[in-house]
Amino acid sequence: MKDFAAIDFETANNERSSVCSVGIVIVRNGEIVDSFYSLIQPEPNYYNYWCSRVHGLSQEDTEDAPVFPKVWAQVEPKIAGLPLVAHNKPFDESCLKAVFRVYQMDYPDYEFYDTLCVSRRKFPHLPNHQLHTVAAVCGYRLDKHHHALADAEACAWIARKIL
């Protein structure tokens, strides 16, 4: 796969619609050509301890952030016509579908690929298939794990190697 958009969401709480940040990395002809990151005001708008502990974001970080439809208006032209790639597609795809539902937006049925699923087949010997582990095997050092843009970059790097 030479053209795609790697995507990663972080959530504020256990609701899939509570996306509080998004990272996108655009790959064309096998090269990273663009990236996008934004904080998002989550819906529902509260943070639980465990999610904040994972990604380090809190209410204060997103209190002035735009709502999802405004962020997606910036993302949509960047990803137009591209398949989406995520490491653990079920999570990121369900977040995207949930937040589209919450804001009553028409979901365009994005084509999604999963680097986690492929990495399990490609690297059965690994002790785990977490993003940072697979990224390292693919030659990418993930320093800011659970920052949406850093995770999207790692996913793009993996996808360029194994998809």
N, C-alpha and C. Protein backbone atom coordinates (compact mmCIF):
# COMPACT_ATOMS: atom_id res chain seq x y z
N MET A 1 0.85 -1.17 0.00
CA MET A 1 0.00 0.00 0.00
C MET A 1 0.90 1.24 0.00
N LYS A 2 0.70 2.11 -0.97
CA LYS A 2 1.56 3.29 -1.12
C LYS A 2 0.88 4.58 -0.66
N ASP A 3 -0.45 4.62 -0.70
CA ASP A 3 -1.20 5.83 -0.35
C ASP A 3 -2.21 5.50 0.74
N PHE A 4 -2.11 6.19 1.87
CA PHE A 4 -3.05 5.96 2.97
C PHE A 4 -2.89 7.07 4.00
N ALA A 5 -3.80 7.07 4.96
CA ALA A 5 -3.72 7.98 6.10
C ALA A 5 -3.73 7.16 7.37
N ALA A 6 -2.66 7.26 8.15
CA ALA A 6 -2.61 6.60 9.45
C ALA A 6 -3.32 7.50 10.45
N ILE A 7 -4.13 6.91 11.32
CA ILE A 7 -4.94 7.69 12.25
C ILE A 7 -4.86 7.10 13.65
N ASP A 8 -4.88 7.98 14.64
CA ASP A 8 -4.91 7.54 16.02
C ASP A 8 -5.75 8.51 16.85
N PHE A 9 -6.58 7.96 17.70
CA PHE A 9 -7.38 8.75 18.64
C PHE A 9 -6.97 8.42 20.07
N GLU A 10 -7.09 9.42 20.93
CA GLU A 10 -7.05 9.22 22.37
C GLU A 10 -8.42 9.62 22.89
N THR A 11 -8.88 8.93 23.94
CA THR A 11 -10.20 9.21 24.49
C THR A 11 -10.09 9.70 25.93
N ALA A 12 -11.08 10.49 26.33
CA ALA A 12 -11.10 11.09 27.66
C ALA A 12 -11.66 10.15 28.72
N ASN A 13 -12.52 9.25 28.28
CA ASN A 13 -13.16 8.33 29.22
C ASN A 13 -13.49 7.04 28.48
N ASN A 14 -14.32 6.20 29.05
CA ASN A 14 -14.61 4.90 28.43
C ASN A 14 -15.59 4.95 27.28
N GLU A 15 -16.18 6.10 27.03
CA GLU A 15 -17.08 6.26 25.89
C GLU A 15 -16.24 6.45 24.63
N ARG A 16 -16.51 5.67 23.61
CA ARG A 16 -15.75 5.77 22.36
C ARG A 16 -15.88 7.15 21.72
N SER A 17 -16.97 7.82 21.96
CA SER A 17 -17.18 9.15 21.36
C SER A 17 -16.37 10.24 22.04
N SER A 18 -15.69 9.91 23.13
CA SER A 18 -15.00 10.93 23.92
C SER A 18 -13.59 11.22 23.39
N VAL A 19 -13.43 11.25 22.08
CA VAL A 19 -12.11 11.53 21.52
C VAL A 19 -11.65 12.91 21.99
N CYS A 20 -10.42 12.95 22.50
CA CYS A 20 -9.89 14.21 23.02
C CYS A 20 -8.66 14.66 22.24
N SER A 21 -8.15 13.79 21.37
CA SER A 21 -7.08 14.19 20.45
C SER A 21 -7.06 13.23 19.27
N VAL A 22 -6.57 13.76 18.16
CA VAL A 22 -6.42 12.95 16.94
C VAL A 22 -5.08 13.27 16.30
N GLY A 23 -4.46 12.24 15.78
CA GLY A 23 -3.24 12.39 14.99
C GLY A 23 -3.45 11.72 13.65
N ILE A 24 -3.04 12.39 12.59
CA ILE A 24 -3.17 11.85 11.23
C ILE A 24 -1.82 12.01 10.54
N VAL A 25 -1.39 10.98 9.84
CA VAL A 25 -0.18 11.05 9.02
C VAL A 25 -0.55 10.59 7.61
N ILE A 26 -0.30 11.44 6.64
CA ILE A 26 -0.64 11.16 5.25
C ILE A 26 0.59 10.58 4.54
N VAL A 27 0.39 9.45 3.88
CA VAL A 27 1.45 8.80 3.11
C VAL A 27 1.00 8.72 1.65
N ARG A 28 1.86 9.22 0.77
CA ARG A 28 1.61 9.13 -0.68
C ARG A 28 2.87 8.61 -1.35
N ASN A 29 2.67 7.66 -2.26
CA ASN A 29 3.81 7.01 -2.92
C ASN A 29 4.82 6.48 -1.92
N GLY A 30 4.33 5.99 -0.78
CA GLY A 30 5.19 5.40 0.22
C GLY A 30 5.96 6.38 1.09
N GLU A 31 5.72 7.67 0.91
CA GLU A 31 6.44 8.69 1.68
C GLU A 31 5.47 9.50 2.54
N ILE A 32 5.89 9.83 3.74
CA ILE A 32 5.09 10.70 4.61
C ILE A 32 5.15 12.11 4.03
N VAL A 33 3.96 12.66 3.70
CA VAL A 33 3.92 13.98 3.06
C VAL A 33 3.21 15.04 3.90
N ASP A 34 2.45 14.62 4.90
CA ASP A 34 1.71 15.59 5.69
C ASP A 34 1.32 14.95 7.02
N SER A 35 1.06 15.79 8.00
CA SER A 35 0.55 15.30 9.27
C SER A 35 -0.37 16.36 9.87
N PHE A 36 -1.18 15.91 10.80
CA PHE A 36 -2.15 16.80 11.44
C PHE A 36 -2.37 16.30 12.86
N TYR A 37 -2.44 17.25 13.80
CA TYR A 37 -2.74 16.92 15.18
C TYR A 37 -3.67 17.98 15.74
N SER A 38 -4.63 17.54 16.53
CA SER A 38 -5.49 18.49 17.22
C SER A 38 -6.01 17.89 18.51
N LEU A 39 -6.12 18.75 19.50
CA LEU A 39 -6.90 18.42 20.68
C LEU A 39 -8.36 18.59 20.29
N ILE A 40 -9.24 17.89 20.99
CA ILE A 40 -10.68 17.93 20.69
C ILE A 40 -11.42 17.99 22.02
N GLN A 41 -12.45 18.80 22.08
CA GLN A 41 -13.29 18.81 23.28
C GLN A 41 -14.12 17.52 23.27
N PRO A 42 -13.91 16.64 24.25
CA PRO A 42 -14.57 15.33 24.20
C PRO A 42 -16.08 15.41 24.45
N GLU A 43 -16.76 14.38 23.99
CA GLU A 43 -18.20 14.26 24.22
C GLU A 43 -18.50 12.81 24.57
N PRO A 44 -18.88 12.50 25.79
CA PRO A 44 -19.14 13.41 26.89
C PRO A 44 -17.85 14.04 27.42
N ASN A 45 -18.01 15.24 27.95
CA ASN A 45 -16.87 16.07 28.30
C ASN A 45 -16.44 15.89 29.76
N TYR A 46 -15.84 14.75 30.01
CA TYR A 46 -15.20 14.51 31.31
C TYR A 46 -14.06 13.52 31.10
N TYR A 47 -13.10 13.53 32.01
CA TYR A 47 -11.94 12.64 31.93
C TYR A 47 -11.98 11.67 33.09
N ASN A 48 -11.67 10.41 32.80
CA ASN A 48 -11.50 9.50 33.92
C ASN A 48 -10.01 9.34 34.22
N TYR A 49 -9.74 8.92 35.41
CA TYR A 49 -8.36 8.81 35.89
C TYR A 49 -7.51 7.93 34.98
N TRP A 50 -8.03 6.79 34.57
CA TRP A 50 -7.23 5.82 33.82
C TRP A 50 -6.86 6.34 32.44
N CYS A 51 -7.78 6.96 31.77
CA CYS A 51 -7.47 7.50 30.44
C CYS A 51 -6.44 8.62 30.55
N SER A 52 -6.64 9.51 31.50
CA SER A 52 -5.67 10.60 31.70
C SER A 52 -4.29 10.05 32.05
N ARG A 53 -4.27 9.00 32.81
CA ARG A 53 -2.99 8.39 33.20
C ARG A 53 -2.26 7.84 31.97
N VAL A 54 -3.01 7.31 31.02
CA VAL A 54 -2.40 6.75 29.81
C VAL A 54 -1.81 7.84 28.92
N HIS A 55 -2.61 8.86 28.60
CA HIS A 55 -2.14 9.85 27.61
C HIS A 55 -1.73 11.19 28.19
N GLY A 56 -2.01 11.41 29.47
CA GLY A 56 -1.56 12.64 30.12
C GLY A 56 -2.43 13.86 29.87
N LEU A 57 -3.55 13.69 29.16
CA LEU A 57 -4.44 14.83 28.90
C LEU A 57 -5.49 14.94 29.99
N SER A 58 -5.95 16.18 30.21
CA SER A 58 -6.98 16.42 31.22
C SER A 58 -7.95 17.50 30.72
N GLN A 59 -8.94 17.75 31.53
CA GLN A 59 -9.96 18.76 31.22
C GLN A 59 -9.33 20.10 30.84
N GLU A 60 -8.32 20.50 31.57
CA GLU A 60 -7.66 21.79 31.32
C GLU A 60 -7.05 21.85 29.92
N ASP A 61 -6.57 20.71 29.42
CA ASP A 61 -5.93 20.68 28.10
C ASP A 61 -6.93 20.94 26.97
N THR A 62 -8.16 20.50 27.16
CA THR A 62 -9.12 20.57 26.05
C THR A 62 -10.27 21.55 26.28
N GLU A 63 -10.25 22.30 27.37
CA GLU A 63 -11.39 23.19 27.65
C GLU A 63 -11.60 24.24 26.55
N ASP A 64 -10.54 24.65 25.86
CA ASP A 64 -10.67 25.62 24.76
C ASP A 64 -10.52 24.97 23.39
N ALA A 65 -10.46 23.65 23.35
CA ALA A 65 -10.29 22.93 22.08
C ALA A 65 -11.58 22.95 21.27
N PRO A 66 -11.45 22.82 19.95
CA PRO A 66 -12.66 22.77 19.12
C PRO A 66 -13.40 21.44 19.30
N VAL A 67 -14.68 21.46 18.97
CA VAL A 67 -15.47 20.23 18.98
C VAL A 67 -15.12 19.41 17.74
N PHE A 68 -15.48 18.14 17.77
CA PHE A 68 -15.09 17.21 16.70
C PHE A 68 -15.46 17.68 15.30
N PRO A 69 -16.69 18.14 15.03
CA PRO A 69 -17.01 18.53 13.65
C PRO A 69 -16.07 19.60 13.08
N LYS A 70 -15.62 20.52 13.92
CA LYS A 70 -14.69 21.55 13.44
C LYS A 70 -13.32 20.95 13.13
N VAL A 71 -12.89 20.02 13.94
CA VAL A 71 -11.61 19.36 13.69
C VAL A 71 -11.71 18.50 12.43
N TRP A 72 -12.80 17.75 12.31
CA TRP A 72 -12.94 16.85 11.16
C TRP A 72 -13.05 17.64 9.85
N ALA A 73 -13.56 18.84 9.89
CA ALA A 73 -13.61 19.68 8.68
C ALA A 73 -12.20 19.98 8.17
N GLN A 74 -11.22 19.99 9.06
CA GLN A 74 -9.82 20.17 8.65
C GLN A 74 -9.20 18.86 8.19
N VAL A 75 -9.62 17.77 8.79
CA VAL A 75 -9.06 16.45 8.46
C VAL A 75 -9.57 15.94 7.12
N GLU A 76 -10.85 16.08 6.90
CA GLU A 76 -11.51 15.47 5.74
C GLU A 76 -10.82 15.74 4.40
N PRO A 77 -10.45 16.98 4.09
CA PRO A 77 -9.79 17.19 2.80
C PRO A 77 -8.41 16.51 2.71
N LYS A 78 -7.75 16.36 3.83
CA LYS A 78 -6.42 15.72 3.85
C LYS A 78 -6.50 14.24 3.55
N ILE A 79 -7.58 13.58 3.98
CA ILE A 79 -7.70 12.12 3.84
C ILE A 79 -8.61 11.71 2.68
N ALA A 80 -9.13 12.67 1.95
CA ALA A 80 -10.08 12.37 0.87
C ALA A 80 -9.52 11.31 -0.08
N GLY A 81 -10.29 10.25 -0.26
CA GLY A 81 -9.91 9.19 -1.19
C GLY A 81 -8.88 8.21 -0.67
N LEU A 82 -8.42 8.39 0.54
CA LEU A 82 -7.39 7.51 1.09
C LEU A 82 -7.99 6.48 2.05
N PRO A 83 -7.47 5.25 2.03
CA PRO A 83 -7.86 4.31 3.08
C PRO A 83 -7.22 4.75 4.40
N LEU A 84 -7.84 4.40 5.50
CA LEU A 84 -7.30 4.71 6.83
C LEU A 84 -6.61 3.48 7.40
N VAL A 85 -5.55 3.72 8.14
CA VAL A 85 -4.79 2.65 8.77
C VAL A 85 -4.66 2.98 10.25
N ALA A 86 -4.89 1.99 11.09
CA ALA A 86 -4.74 2.17 12.54
C ALA A 86 -4.09 0.93 13.14
N HIS A 87 -3.43 1.10 14.25
CA HIS A 87 -2.90 -0.04 14.99
C HIS A 87 -3.94 -0.36 16.04
N ASN A 88 -4.69 -1.41 15.81
CA ASN A 88 -5.88 -1.82 16.56
C ASN A 88 -7.09 -1.09 15.98
N LYS A 89 -7.35 -1.39 14.73
CA LYS A 89 -8.45 -0.81 13.97
C LYS A 89 -9.79 -0.82 14.72
N PRO A 90 -10.16 -1.90 15.40
CA PRO A 90 -11.47 -1.88 16.07
C PRO A 90 -11.64 -0.69 17.02
N PHE A 91 -10.58 -0.30 17.72
CA PHE A 91 -10.70 0.83 18.63
C PHE A 91 -10.88 2.14 17.87
N ASP A 92 -9.95 2.46 16.97
CA ASP A 92 -10.00 3.76 16.29
C ASP A 92 -11.21 3.89 15.38
N GLU A 93 -11.57 2.82 14.70
CA GLU A 93 -12.75 2.86 13.83
C GLU A 93 -14.02 3.05 14.66
N SER A 94 -14.10 2.37 15.80
CA SER A 94 -15.29 2.53 16.64
C SER A 94 -15.37 3.93 17.23
N CYS A 95 -14.22 4.52 17.55
CA CYS A 95 -14.21 5.92 18.03
C CYS A 95 -14.75 6.84 16.94
N LEU A 96 -14.25 6.66 15.73
CA LEU A 96 -14.68 7.53 14.63
C LEU A 96 -16.18 7.39 14.37
N LYS A 97 -16.66 6.17 14.33
CA LYS A 97 -18.09 5.95 14.10
C LYS A 97 -18.93 6.53 15.24
N ALA A 98 -18.46 6.36 16.47
CA ALA A 98 -19.22 6.84 17.63
C ALA A 98 -19.32 8.36 17.64
N VAL A 99 -18.23 9.04 17.35
CA VAL A 99 -18.26 10.50 17.39
C VAL A 99 -19.06 11.06 16.20
N PHE A 100 -19.03 10.37 15.08
CA PHE A 100 -19.90 10.76 13.96
C PHE A 100 -21.37 10.64 14.39
N ARG A 101 -21.71 9.56 15.09
CA ARG A 101 -23.10 9.37 15.56
C ARG A 101 -23.51 10.46 16.54
N VAL A 102 -22.65 10.75 17.51
CA VAL A 102 -22.95 11.75 18.53
C VAL A 102 -23.28 13.10 17.89
N TYR A 103 -22.52 13.47 16.87
CA TYR A 103 -22.74 14.76 16.22
C TYR A 103 -23.67 14.66 15.01
N GLN A 104 -24.30 13.51 14.84
CA GLN A 104 -25.27 13.27 13.77
C GLN A 104 -24.69 13.64 12.40
N MET A 105 -23.46 13.21 12.18
CA MET A 105 -22.78 13.42 10.91
C MET A 105 -22.91 12.14 10.08
N ASP A 106 -23.01 12.28 8.77
CA ASP A 106 -23.08 11.12 7.89
C ASP A 106 -21.70 10.47 7.79
N TYR A 107 -21.62 9.21 8.20
CA TYR A 107 -20.34 8.49 8.17
C TYR A 107 -20.08 8.00 6.75
N PRO A 108 -18.94 8.37 6.17
CA PRO A 108 -18.68 8.02 4.77
C PRO A 108 -18.15 6.61 4.53
N ASP A 109 -18.24 5.71 5.50
CA ASP A 109 -17.82 4.32 5.34
C ASP A 109 -16.36 4.21 4.90
N TYR A 110 -15.49 4.78 5.70
CA TYR A 110 -14.06 4.75 5.41
C TYR A 110 -13.55 3.32 5.34
N GLU A 111 -12.64 3.08 4.41
CA GLU A 111 -11.95 1.81 4.31
C GLU A 111 -10.83 1.83 5.35
N PHE A 112 -10.80 0.83 6.23
CA PHE A 112 -9.84 0.78 7.33
C PHE A 112 -8.96 -0.47 7.23
N TYR A 113 -7.68 -0.31 7.51
CA TYR A 113 -6.75 -1.43 7.60
C TYR A 113 -6.13 -1.43 8.99
N ASP A 114 -5.67 -2.61 9.42
CA ASP A 114 -5.20 -2.78 10.78
C ASP A 114 -3.77 -3.31 10.82
N THR A 115 -2.84 -2.47 11.26
CA THR A 115 -1.45 -2.92 11.35
C THR A 115 -1.25 -3.91 12.50
N LEU A 116 -2.09 -3.86 13.52
CA LEU A 116 -1.98 -4.83 14.61
C LEU A 116 -2.24 -6.24 14.10
N CYS A 117 -3.33 -6.41 13.40
CA CYS A 117 -3.71 -7.71 12.86
C CYS A 117 -2.62 -8.25 11.92
N VAL A 118 -2.13 -7.42 11.03
CA VAL A 118 -1.10 -7.84 10.08
C VAL A 118 0.21 -8.15 10.81
N SER A 119 0.55 -7.35 11.82
CA SER A 119 1.80 -7.58 12.54
C SER A 119 1.79 -8.92 13.28
N ARG A 120 0.64 -9.36 13.72
CA ARG A 120 0.55 -10.67 14.40
C ARG A 120 0.90 -11.81 13.43
N ARG A 121 0.47 -11.65 12.18
CA ARG A 121 0.80 -12.66 11.16
C ARG A 121 2.26 -12.54 10.71
N LYS A 122 2.71 -11.31 10.55
CA LYS A 122 4.04 -11.05 10.00
C LYS A 122 5.16 -11.32 11.01
N PHE A 123 4.88 -11.05 12.29
CA PHE A 123 5.89 -11.20 13.34
C PHE A 123 5.37 -12.08 14.49
N PRO A 124 5.11 -13.35 14.24
CA PRO A 124 4.53 -14.21 15.29
C PRO A 124 5.47 -14.43 16.48
N HIS A 125 6.74 -14.18 16.30
CA HIS A 125 7.74 -14.42 17.34
C HIS A 125 7.81 -13.31 18.40
N LEU A 126 7.19 -12.18 18.16
CA LEU A 126 7.30 -11.06 19.10
C LEU A 126 6.64 -11.40 20.45
N PRO A 127 7.17 -10.86 21.54
CA PRO A 127 6.56 -11.12 22.85
C PRO A 127 5.18 -10.49 22.98
N ASN A 128 4.94 -9.40 22.25
CA ASN A 128 3.62 -8.76 22.18
C ASN A 128 3.57 -7.98 20.87
N HIS A 129 2.43 -7.48 20.54
CA HIS A 129 2.26 -6.74 19.29
C HIS A 129 1.77 -5.32 19.55
N GLN A 130 2.17 -4.79 20.71
CA GLN A 130 1.83 -3.41 21.04
C GLN A 130 2.53 -2.48 20.05
N LEU A 131 1.99 -1.30 19.90
CA LEU A 131 2.48 -0.36 18.91
C LEU A 131 3.97 -0.11 19.03
N HIS A 132 4.46 0.16 20.23
CA HIS A 132 5.89 0.47 20.38
C HIS A 132 6.78 -0.73 20.05
N THR A 133 6.30 -1.94 20.34
CA THR A 133 7.07 -3.15 20.05
C THR A 133 7.18 -3.36 18.54
N VAL A 134 6.07 -3.29 17.85
CA VAL A 134 6.06 -3.51 16.40
C VAL A 134 6.81 -2.38 15.69
N ALA A 135 6.62 -1.16 16.16
CA ALA A 135 7.34 -0.03 15.56
C ALA A 135 8.84 -0.24 15.65
N ALA A 136 9.33 -0.71 16.79
CA ALA A 136 10.77 -0.94 16.96
C ALA A 136 11.28 -1.99 15.97
N VAL A 137 10.53 -3.06 15.78
CA VAL A 137 10.92 -4.09 14.82
C VAL A 137 10.97 -3.52 13.40
N CYS A 138 10.12 -2.54 13.14
CA CYS A 138 10.07 -1.91 11.81
C CYS A 138 11.05 -0.73 11.68
N GLY A 139 11.86 -0.52 12.70
CA GLY A 139 12.88 0.51 12.62
C GLY A 139 12.47 1.89 13.07
N TYR A 140 11.36 1.99 13.82
CA TYR A 140 10.88 3.28 14.29
C TYR A 140 10.89 3.30 15.82
N ARG A 141 11.48 4.33 16.38
CA ARG A 141 11.50 4.46 17.84
C ARG A 141 10.36 5.38 18.27
N LEU A 142 9.43 4.83 19.00
CA LEU A 142 8.26 5.56 19.48
C LEU A 142 8.56 6.13 20.86
N ASP A 143 8.88 7.42 20.91
CA ASP A 143 9.25 8.05 22.18
C ASP A 143 8.06 8.60 22.96
N LYS A 144 7.01 9.03 22.27
CA LYS A 144 5.87 9.66 22.95
C LYS A 144 4.61 8.80 22.81
N HIS A 145 4.72 7.54 23.24
CA HIS A 145 3.58 6.62 23.11
C HIS A 145 2.35 7.22 23.79
N HIS A 146 1.21 7.09 23.13
CA HIS A 146 -0.09 7.60 23.56
C HIS A 146 -0.25 9.10 23.33
N HIS A 147 0.63 9.69 22.56
CA HIS A 147 0.37 11.01 21.97
C HIS A 147 -0.16 10.67 20.58
N ALA A 148 -1.34 11.17 20.23
CA ALA A 148 -2.02 10.73 19.01
C ALA A 148 -1.16 10.89 17.76
N LEU A 149 -0.44 11.99 17.63
CA LEU A 149 0.38 12.16 16.42
C LEU A 149 1.57 11.21 16.43
N ALA A 150 2.22 11.03 17.55
CA ALA A 150 3.35 10.09 17.63
C ALA A 150 2.89 8.67 17.30
N ASP A 151 1.72 8.29 17.82
CA ASP A 151 1.20 6.95 17.53
C ASP A 151 0.82 6.81 16.07
N ALA A 152 0.25 7.85 15.47
CA ALA A 152 -0.08 7.81 14.04
C ALA A 152 1.19 7.70 13.19
N GLU A 153 2.25 8.39 13.60
CA GLU A 153 3.53 8.30 12.88
C GLU A 153 4.09 6.88 12.96
N ALA A 154 4.03 6.28 14.14
CA ALA A 154 4.50 4.90 14.31
C ALA A 154 3.68 3.96 13.45
N CYS A 155 2.38 4.16 13.44
CA CYS A 155 1.49 3.32 12.63
C CYS A 155 1.82 3.48 11.15
N ALA A 156 2.06 4.70 10.69
CA ALA A 156 2.41 4.94 9.29
C ALA A 156 3.71 4.23 8.95
N TRP A 157 4.66 4.31 9.85
CA TRP A 157 5.96 3.66 9.63
C TRP A 157 5.78 2.15 9.49
N ILE A 158 4.99 1.57 10.39
CA ILE A 158 4.71 0.12 10.34
C ILE A 158 4.00 -0.23 9.05
N ALA A 159 2.97 0.53 8.71
CA ALA A 159 2.18 0.25 7.51
C ALA A 159 3.04 0.28 6.25
N ARG A 160 3.96 1.23 6.19
CA ARG A 160 4.85 1.31 5.02
C ARG A 160 5.72 0.07 4.90
N LYS A 161 6.01 -0.57 6.02
CA LYS A 161 6.87 -1.77 6.02
C LYS A 161 6.09 -3.06 5.76
N ILE A 162 4.86 -3.16 6.28
CA ILE A 162 4.19 -4.48 6.25
C ILE A 162 2.88 -4.54 5.47
N LEU A 163 2.34 -3.41 5.05
CA LEU A 163 1.08 -3.49 4.29
C LEU A 163 1.35 -3.45 2.80
